[in-house]
């Protein structure tokens, strides 16, 4: 399956569709407990990671929000 991940082409050896939770494992995303996932422009709720699926040609962004500063 071919995807765009964080603006770059990516391929995974899985059939359509793949749950977002599985995609995080396949792509070895670090700090999964803190990642926010945007799928085709929509921010997903963490509780939807098992039910939301990724298919060929989708655009996925992995985002990390941090606080700090003064």
PDB file of N, CA and C in Angstrom:
ATOM      1  N   UNK A   1       0.841  -1.157   0.000  1.00  0.00           N
ATOM      2  CA  UNK A   1       0.000   0.000   0.000  1.00  0.00           C
ATOM      3  C   UNK A   1       0.897   1.235   0.000  1.00  0.00           C
ATOM      4  N   UNK A   2       0.541   2.216  -0.784  1.00  0.00           N
ATOM      5  CA  UNK A   2       1.300   3.458  -0.879  1.00  0.00           C
ATOM      6  C   UNK A   2       0.544   4.584  -0.186  1.00  0.00           C
ATOM      7  N   UNK A   3       1.263   5.303   0.674  1.00  0.00           N
ATOM      8  CA  UNK A   3       0.707   6.399   1.445  1.00  0.00           C
ATOM      9  C   UNK A   3       1.625   7.606   1.366  1.00  0.00           C
ATOM     10  N   UNK A   4       1.127   8.737   1.811  1.00  0.00           N
ATOM     11  CA  UNK A   4       1.977   9.884   2.076  1.00  0.00           C
ATOM     12  C   UNK A   4       1.974  10.063   3.587  1.00  0.00           C
ATOM     13  N   UNK A   5       3.162   9.994   4.194  1.00  0.00           N
ATOM     14  CA  UNK A   5       3.296  10.082   5.642  1.00  0.00           C
ATOM     15  C   UNK A   5       4.202  11.264   5.968  1.00  0.00           C
ATOM     16  N   UNK A   6       3.649  12.226   6.676  1.00  0.00           N
ATOM     17  CA  UNK A   6       4.384  13.449   7.024  1.00  0.00           C
ATOM     18  C   UNK A   6       5.005  14.087   5.785  1.00  0.00           C
ATOM     19  N   UNK A   7       4.238  14.099   4.705  1.00  0.00           N
ATOM     20  CA  UNK A   7       4.658  14.764   3.477  1.00  0.00           C
ATOM     21  C   UNK A   7       5.584  13.966   2.576  1.00  0.00           C
ATOM     22  N   UNK A   8       5.903  12.732   2.957  1.00  0.00           N
ATOM     23  CA  UNK A   8       6.827  11.918   2.165  1.00  0.00           C
ATOM     24  C   UNK A   8       6.148  10.618   1.740  1.00  0.00           C
ATOM     25  N   UNK A   9       6.486  10.116   0.551  1.00  0.00           N
ATOM     26  CA  UNK A   9       5.921   8.832   0.117  1.00  0.00           C
ATOM     27  C   UNK A   9       6.369   7.698   1.044  1.00  0.00           C
ATOM     28  N   UNK A  10       5.450   6.781   1.318  1.00  0.00           N
ATOM     29  CA  UNK A  10       5.762   5.620   2.153  1.00  0.00           C
ATOM     30  C   UNK A  10       5.002   4.417   1.615  1.00  0.00           C
ATOM     31  N   UNK A  11       5.597   3.254   1.748  1.00  0.00           N
ATOM     32  CA  UNK A  11       4.956   2.004   1.348  1.00  0.00           C
ATOM     33  C   UNK A  11       4.962   1.047   2.522  1.00  0.00           C
ATOM     34  N   UNK A  12       3.856   0.325   2.657  1.00  0.00           N
ATOM     35  CA  UNK A  12       3.800  -0.732   3.655  1.00  0.00           C
ATOM     36  C   UNK A  12       3.289  -1.985   2.965  1.00  0.00           C
ATOM     37  N   UNK A  13       3.737  -3.127   3.461  1.00  0.00           N
ATOM     38  CA  UNK A  13       3.370  -4.414   2.852  1.00  0.00           C
ATOM     39  C   UNK A  13       2.133  -4.969   3.541  1.00  0.00           C
ATOM     40  N   UNK A  14       1.030  -4.243   3.443  1.00  0.00           N
ATOM     41  CA  UNK A  14      -0.241  -4.665   4.030  1.00  0.00           C
ATOM     42  C   UNK A  14      -1.332  -4.437   2.996  1.00  0.00           C
ATOM     43  N   UNK A  15      -2.414  -5.171   3.148  1.00  0.00           N
ATOM     44  CA  UNK A  15      -3.570  -5.002   2.278  1.00  0.00           C
ATOM     45  C   UNK A  15      -4.453  -3.880   2.813  1.00  0.00           C
ATOM     46  N   UNK A  16      -5.272  -3.299   1.928  1.00  0.00           N
ATOM     47  CA  UNK A  16      -6.283  -2.302   2.337  1.00  0.00           C
ATOM     48  C   UNK A  16      -7.360  -2.972   3.132  1.00  0.00           C
ATOM     49  N   UNK A  17      -8.014  -2.346   4.040  1.00  0.00           N
ATOM     50  CA  UNK A  17      -7.562  -1.195   4.824  1.00  0.00           C
ATOM     51  C   UNK A  17      -6.777  -1.646   6.047  1.00  0.00           C
ATOM     52  N   UNK A  18      -6.034  -0.719   6.620  1.00  0.00           N
ATOM     53  CA  UNK A  18      -5.227  -1.001   7.806  1.00  0.00           C
ATOM     54  C   UNK A  18      -5.687  -0.062   8.922  1.00  0.00           C
ATOM     55  N   UNK A  19      -5.996  -0.597  10.105  1.00  0.00           N
ATOM     56  CA  UNK A  19      -6.355   0.284  11.228  1.00  0.00           C
ATOM     57  C   UNK A  19      -5.194   1.226  11.567  1.00  0.00           C
ATOM     58  N   UNK A  20      -5.507   2.426  11.975  1.00  0.00           N
ATOM     59  CA  UNK A  20      -4.486   3.401  12.332  1.00  0.00           C
ATOM     60  C   UNK A  20      -3.584   2.851  13.431  1.00  0.00           C
ATOM     61  N   UNK A  21      -4.152   2.140  14.392  1.00  0.00           N
ATOM     62  CA  UNK A  21      -3.330   1.564  15.467  1.00  0.00           C
ATOM     63  C   UNK A  21      -2.277   0.607  14.911  1.00  0.00           C
ATOM     64  N   UNK A  22      -2.627  -0.165  13.910  1.00  0.00           N
ATOM     65  CA  UNK A  22      -1.666  -1.082  13.269  1.00  0.00           C
ATOM     66  C   UNK A  22      -0.626  -0.297  12.468  1.00  0.00           C
ATOM     67  N   UNK A  23      -1.046   0.775  11.802  1.00  0.00           N
ATOM     68  CA  UNK A  23      -0.114   1.608  11.038  1.00  0.00           C
ATOM     69  C   UNK A  23       0.964   2.182  11.948  1.00  0.00           C
ATOM     70  N   UNK A  24       0.578   2.606  13.135  1.00  0.00           N
ATOM     71  CA  UNK A  24       1.559   3.119  14.095  1.00  0.00           C
ATOM     72  C   UNK A  24       2.620   2.066  14.409  1.00  0.00           C
ATOM     73  N   UNK A  25       2.199   0.816  14.540  1.00  0.00           N
ATOM     74  CA  UNK A  25       3.144  -0.279  14.791  1.00  0.00           C
ATOM     75  C   UNK A  25       4.031  -0.520  13.576  1.00  0.00           C
ATOM     76  N   UNK A  26       3.405  -0.615  12.399  1.00  0.00           N
ATOM     77  CA  UNK A  26       4.159  -0.918  11.178  1.00  0.00           C
ATOM     78  C   UNK A  26       5.233   0.120  10.885  1.00  0.00           C
ATOM     79  N   UNK A  27       4.908   1.382  11.143  1.00  0.00           N
ATOM     80  CA  UNK A  27       5.852   2.464  10.864  1.00  0.00           C
ATOM     81  C   UNK A  27       6.748   2.766  12.055  1.00  0.00           C
ATOM     82  N   UNK A  28       6.621   1.965  13.116  1.00  0.00           N
ATOM     83  CA  UNK A  28       7.438   2.104  14.325  1.00  0.00           C
ATOM     84  C   UNK A  28       7.449   3.537  14.842  1.00  0.00           C
ATOM     85  N   UNK A  29       6.243   4.108  14.915  1.00  0.00           N
ATOM     86  CA  UNK A  29       6.091   5.465  15.426  1.00  0.00           C
ATOM     87  C   UNK A  29       6.455   5.476  16.909  1.00  0.00           C
ATOM     88  N   UNK A  30       7.336   6.383  17.284  1.00  0.00           N
ATOM     89  CA  UNK A  30       7.781   6.481  18.666  1.00  0.00           C
ATOM     90  C   UNK A  30       6.764   7.265  19.490  1.00  0.00           C
ATOM     91  N   UNK A  31       6.737   7.024  20.745  1.00  0.00           N
ATOM     92  CA  UNK A  31       5.882   7.719  21.704  1.00  0.00           C
ATOM     93  C   UNK A  31       4.419   7.719  21.247  1.00  0.00           C
ATOM     94  N   UNK A  32       3.920   6.530  20.944  1.00  0.00           N
ATOM     95  CA  UNK A  32       2.547   6.384  20.440  1.00  0.00           C
ATOM     96  C   UNK A  32       1.507   6.954  21.386  1.00  0.00           C
ATOM     97  N   UNK A  33       1.817   6.946  22.680  1.00  0.00           N
ATOM     98  CA  UNK A  33       0.856   7.456  23.648  1.00  0.00           C
ATOM     99  C   UNK A  33       0.689   8.976  23.562  1.00  0.00           C
ATOM    100  N   UNK A  34       1.612   9.667  22.865  1.00  0.00           N
ATOM    101  CA  UNK A  34       1.558  11.125  22.741  1.00  0.00           C
ATOM    102  C   UNK A  34       1.232  11.605  21.327  1.00  0.00           C
ATOM    103  N   UNK A  35       1.200  10.712  20.359  1.00  0.00           N
ATOM    104  CA  UNK A  35       1.035  11.130  18.967  1.00  0.00           C
ATOM    105  C   UNK A  35      -0.428  11.468  18.674  1.00  0.00           C
ATOM    106  N   UNK A  36      -0.602  12.498  17.873  1.00  0.00           N
ATOM    107  CA  UNK A  36      -1.901  12.849  17.312  1.00  0.00           C
ATOM    108  C   UNK A  36      -1.837  12.473  15.846  1.00  0.00           C
ATOM    109  N   UNK A  37      -2.906  11.866  15.334  1.00  0.00           N
ATOM    110  CA  UNK A  37      -2.911  11.416  13.948  1.00  0.00           C
ATOM    111  C   UNK A  37      -3.927  12.238  13.154  1.00  0.00           C
ATOM    112  N   UNK A  38      -3.446  12.767  12.039  1.00  0.00           N
ATOM    113  CA  UNK A  38      -4.306  13.457  11.085  1.00  0.00           C
ATOM    114  C   UNK A  38      -4.402  12.557   9.858  1.00  0.00           C
ATOM    115  N   UNK A  39      -5.619  12.203   9.487  1.00  0.00           N
ATOM    116  CA  UNK A  39      -5.851  11.324   8.334  1.00  0.00           C
ATOM    117  C   UNK A  39      -6.652  12.088   7.299  1.00  0.00           C
ATOM    118  N   UNK A  40      -6.027  12.333   6.168  1.00  0.00           N
ATOM    119  CA  UNK A  40      -6.665  13.068   5.070  1.00  0.00           C
ATOM    120  C   UNK A  40      -7.267  14.387   5.544  1.00  0.00           C
ATOM    121  N   UNK A  41      -6.515  15.094   6.397  1.00  0.00           N
ATOM    122  CA  UNK A  41      -6.934  16.411   6.854  1.00  0.00           C
ATOM    123  C   UNK A  41      -7.803  16.428   8.091  1.00  0.00           C
ATOM    124  N   UNK A  42      -8.202  15.277   8.603  1.00  0.00           N
ATOM    125  CA  UNK A  42      -9.045  15.197   9.795  1.00  0.00           C
ATOM    126  C   UNK A  42      -8.246  14.669  10.978  1.00  0.00           C
ATOM    127  N   UNK A  43      -8.309  15.388  12.105  1.00  0.00           N
ATOM    128  CA  UNK A  43      -7.659  14.930  13.327  1.00  0.00           C
ATOM    129  C   UNK A  43      -8.513  13.813  13.927  1.00  0.00           C
ATOM    130  N   UNK A  44      -7.876  12.695  14.257  1.00  0.00           N
ATOM    131  CA  UNK A  44      -8.590  11.554  14.823  1.00  0.00           C
ATOM    132  C   UNK A  44      -8.547  11.586  16.341  1.00  0.00           C
ATOM    133  N   UNK A  45      -9.633  11.181  16.969  1.00  0.00           N
ATOM    134  CA  UNK A  45      -9.632  10.966  18.411  1.00  0.00           C
ATOM    135  C   UNK A  45      -8.832   9.693  18.695  1.00  0.00           C
ATOM    136  N   UNK A  46      -8.097   9.701  19.775  1.00  0.00           N
ATOM    137  CA  UNK A  46      -7.280   8.531  20.134  1.00  0.00           C
ATOM    138  C   UNK A  46      -8.133   7.266  20.233  1.00  0.00           C
ATOM    139  N   UNK A  47      -9.348   7.380  20.700  1.00  0.00           N
ATOM    140  CA  UNK A  47     -10.238   6.239  20.817  1.00  0.00           C
ATOM    141  C   UNK A  47     -10.666   5.654  19.484  1.00  0.00           C
ATOM    142  N   UNK A  48     -10.416   6.383  18.399  1.00  0.00           N
ATOM    143  CA  UNK A  48     -10.784   5.918  17.061  1.00  0.00           C
ATOM    144  C   UNK A  48      -9.645   5.225  16.321  1.00  0.00           C
ATOM    145  N   UNK A  49      -8.473   5.125  16.936  1.00  0.00           N
ATOM    146  CA  UNK A  49      -7.311   4.554  16.251  1.00  0.00           C
ATOM    147  C   UNK A  49      -7.544   3.106  15.810  1.00  0.00           C
ATOM    148  N   UNK A  50      -8.330   2.338  16.561  1.00  0.00           N
ATOM    149  CA  UNK A  50      -8.601   0.948  16.176  1.00  0.00           C
ATOM    150  C   UNK A  50      -9.645   0.863  15.067  1.00  0.00           C
ATOM    151  N   UNK A  51     -10.592   1.785  15.052  1.00  0.00           N
ATOM    152  CA  UNK A  51     -11.680   1.736  14.082  1.00  0.00           C
ATOM    153  C   UNK A  51     -11.416   2.491  12.798  1.00  0.00           C
ATOM    154  N   UNK A  52     -10.617   3.547  12.860  1.00  0.00           N
ATOM    155  CA  UNK A  52     -10.282   4.323  11.657  1.00  0.00           C
ATOM    156  C   UNK A  52      -9.270   3.545  10.835  1.00  0.00           C
ATOM    157  N   UNK A  53      -9.459   3.519   9.534  1.00  0.00           N
ATOM    158  CA  UNK A  53      -8.562   2.751   8.674  1.00  0.00           C
ATOM    159  C   UNK A  53      -7.897   3.624   7.626  1.00  0.00           C
ATOM    160  N   UNK A  54      -6.737   3.173   7.214  1.00  0.00           N
ATOM    161  CA  UNK A  54      -5.944   3.824   6.185  1.00  0.00           C
ATOM    162  C   UNK A  54      -5.994   2.947   4.951  1.00  0.00           C
ATOM    163  N   UNK A  55      -6.167   3.581   3.791  1.00  0.00           N
ATOM    164  CA  UNK A  55      -6.183   2.828   2.537  1.00  0.00           C
ATOM    165  C   UNK A  55      -5.192   3.430   1.552  1.00  0.00           C
ATOM    166  N   UNK A  56      -4.955   2.726   0.480  1.00  0.00           N
ATOM    167  CA  UNK A  56      -3.994   3.150  -0.529  1.00  0.00           C
ATOM    168  C   UNK A  56      -4.278   4.588  -0.966  1.00  0.00           C
ATOM    169  N   UNK A  57      -3.221   5.402  -0.994  1.00  0.00           N
ATOM    170  CA  UNK A  57      -3.315   6.780  -1.450  1.00  0.00           C
ATOM    171  C   UNK A  57      -3.638   7.793  -0.370  1.00  0.00           C
ATOM    172  N   UNK A  58      -3.880   7.340   0.868  1.00  0.00           N
ATOM    173  CA  UNK A  58      -4.226   8.263   1.942  1.00  0.00           C
ATOM    174  C   UNK A  58      -3.028   9.106   2.364  1.00  0.00           C
ATOM    175  N   UNK A  59      -3.358  10.250   2.983  1.00  0.00           N
ATOM    176  CA  UNK A  59      -2.358  11.166   3.514  1.00  0.00           C
ATOM    177  C   UNK A  59      -2.443  11.125   5.034  1.00  0.00           C
ATOM    178  N   UNK A  60      -1.322  10.800   5.691  1.00  0.00           N
ATOM    179  CA  UNK A  60      -1.277  10.659   7.145  1.00  0.00           C
ATOM    180  C   UNK A  60      -0.201  11.584   7.701  1.00  0.00           C
ATOM    181  N   UNK A  61      -0.554  12.279   8.766  1.00  0.00           N
ATOM    182  CA  UNK A  61       0.413  13.119   9.471  1.00  0.00           C
ATOM    183  C   UNK A  61       0.452  12.670  10.920  1.00  0.00           C
ATOM    184  N   UNK A  62       1.651  12.538  11.468  1.00  0.00           N
ATOM    185  CA  UNK A  62       1.839  12.235  12.878  1.00  0.00           C
ATOM    186  C   UNK A  62       2.323  13.518  13.544  1.00  0.00           C
ATOM    187  N   UNK A  63       1.568  13.994  14.522  1.00  0.00           N
ATOM    188  CA  UNK A  63       1.847  15.271  15.153  1.00  0.00           C
ATOM    189  C   UNK A  63       2.082  15.083  16.647  1.00  0.00           C
ATOM    190  N   UNK A  64       3.002  15.894  17.195  1.00  0.00           N
ATOM    191  CA  UNK A  64       3.279  15.894  18.624  1.00  0.00           C
ATOM    192  C   UNK A  64       3.140  17.326  19.111  1.00  0.00           C
ATOM    193  N   UNK A  65       2.265  17.543  20.079  1.00  0.00           N
ATOM    194  CA  UNK A  65       2.063  18.860  20.633  1.00  0.00           C
ATOM    195  C   UNK A  65       2.817  18.942  21.945  1.00  0.00           C
ATOM    196  N   UNK A  66       3.584  20.022  22.108  1.00  0.00           N
ATOM    197  CA  UNK A  66       4.384  20.190  23.305  1.00  0.00           C
ATOM    198  C   UNK A  66       4.095  21.549  23.909  1.00  0.00           C
ATOM    199  N   UNK A  67       4.096  21.575  25.211  1.00  0.00           N
ATOM    200  CA  UNK A  67       3.972  22.838  25.920  1.00  0.00           C
ATOM    201  C   UNK A  67       5.328  23.312  26.355  1.00  0.00           C
ATOM    202  N   UNK A  68       5.372  24.504  26.809  1.00  0.00           N
ATOM    203  CA  UNK A  68       6.638  25.012  27.309  1.00  0.00           C
ATOM    204  C   UNK A  68       6.797  26.477  26.982  1.00  0.00           C
ATOM    205  N   UNK A  69       7.942  26.976  27.291  1.00  0.00           N
ATOM    206  CA  UNK A  69       8.215  28.381  27.035  1.00  0.00           C
ATOM    207  C   UNK A  69       7.839  29.228  28.233  1.00  0.00           C
ATOM    208  N   UNK A  70       7.840  30.506  27.989  1.00  0.00           N
ATOM    209  CA  UNK A  70       7.543  31.444  29.081  1.00  0.00           C
ATOM    210  C   UNK A  70       6.332  32.239  28.758  1.00  0.00           C
TER     211      UNK A  70
END
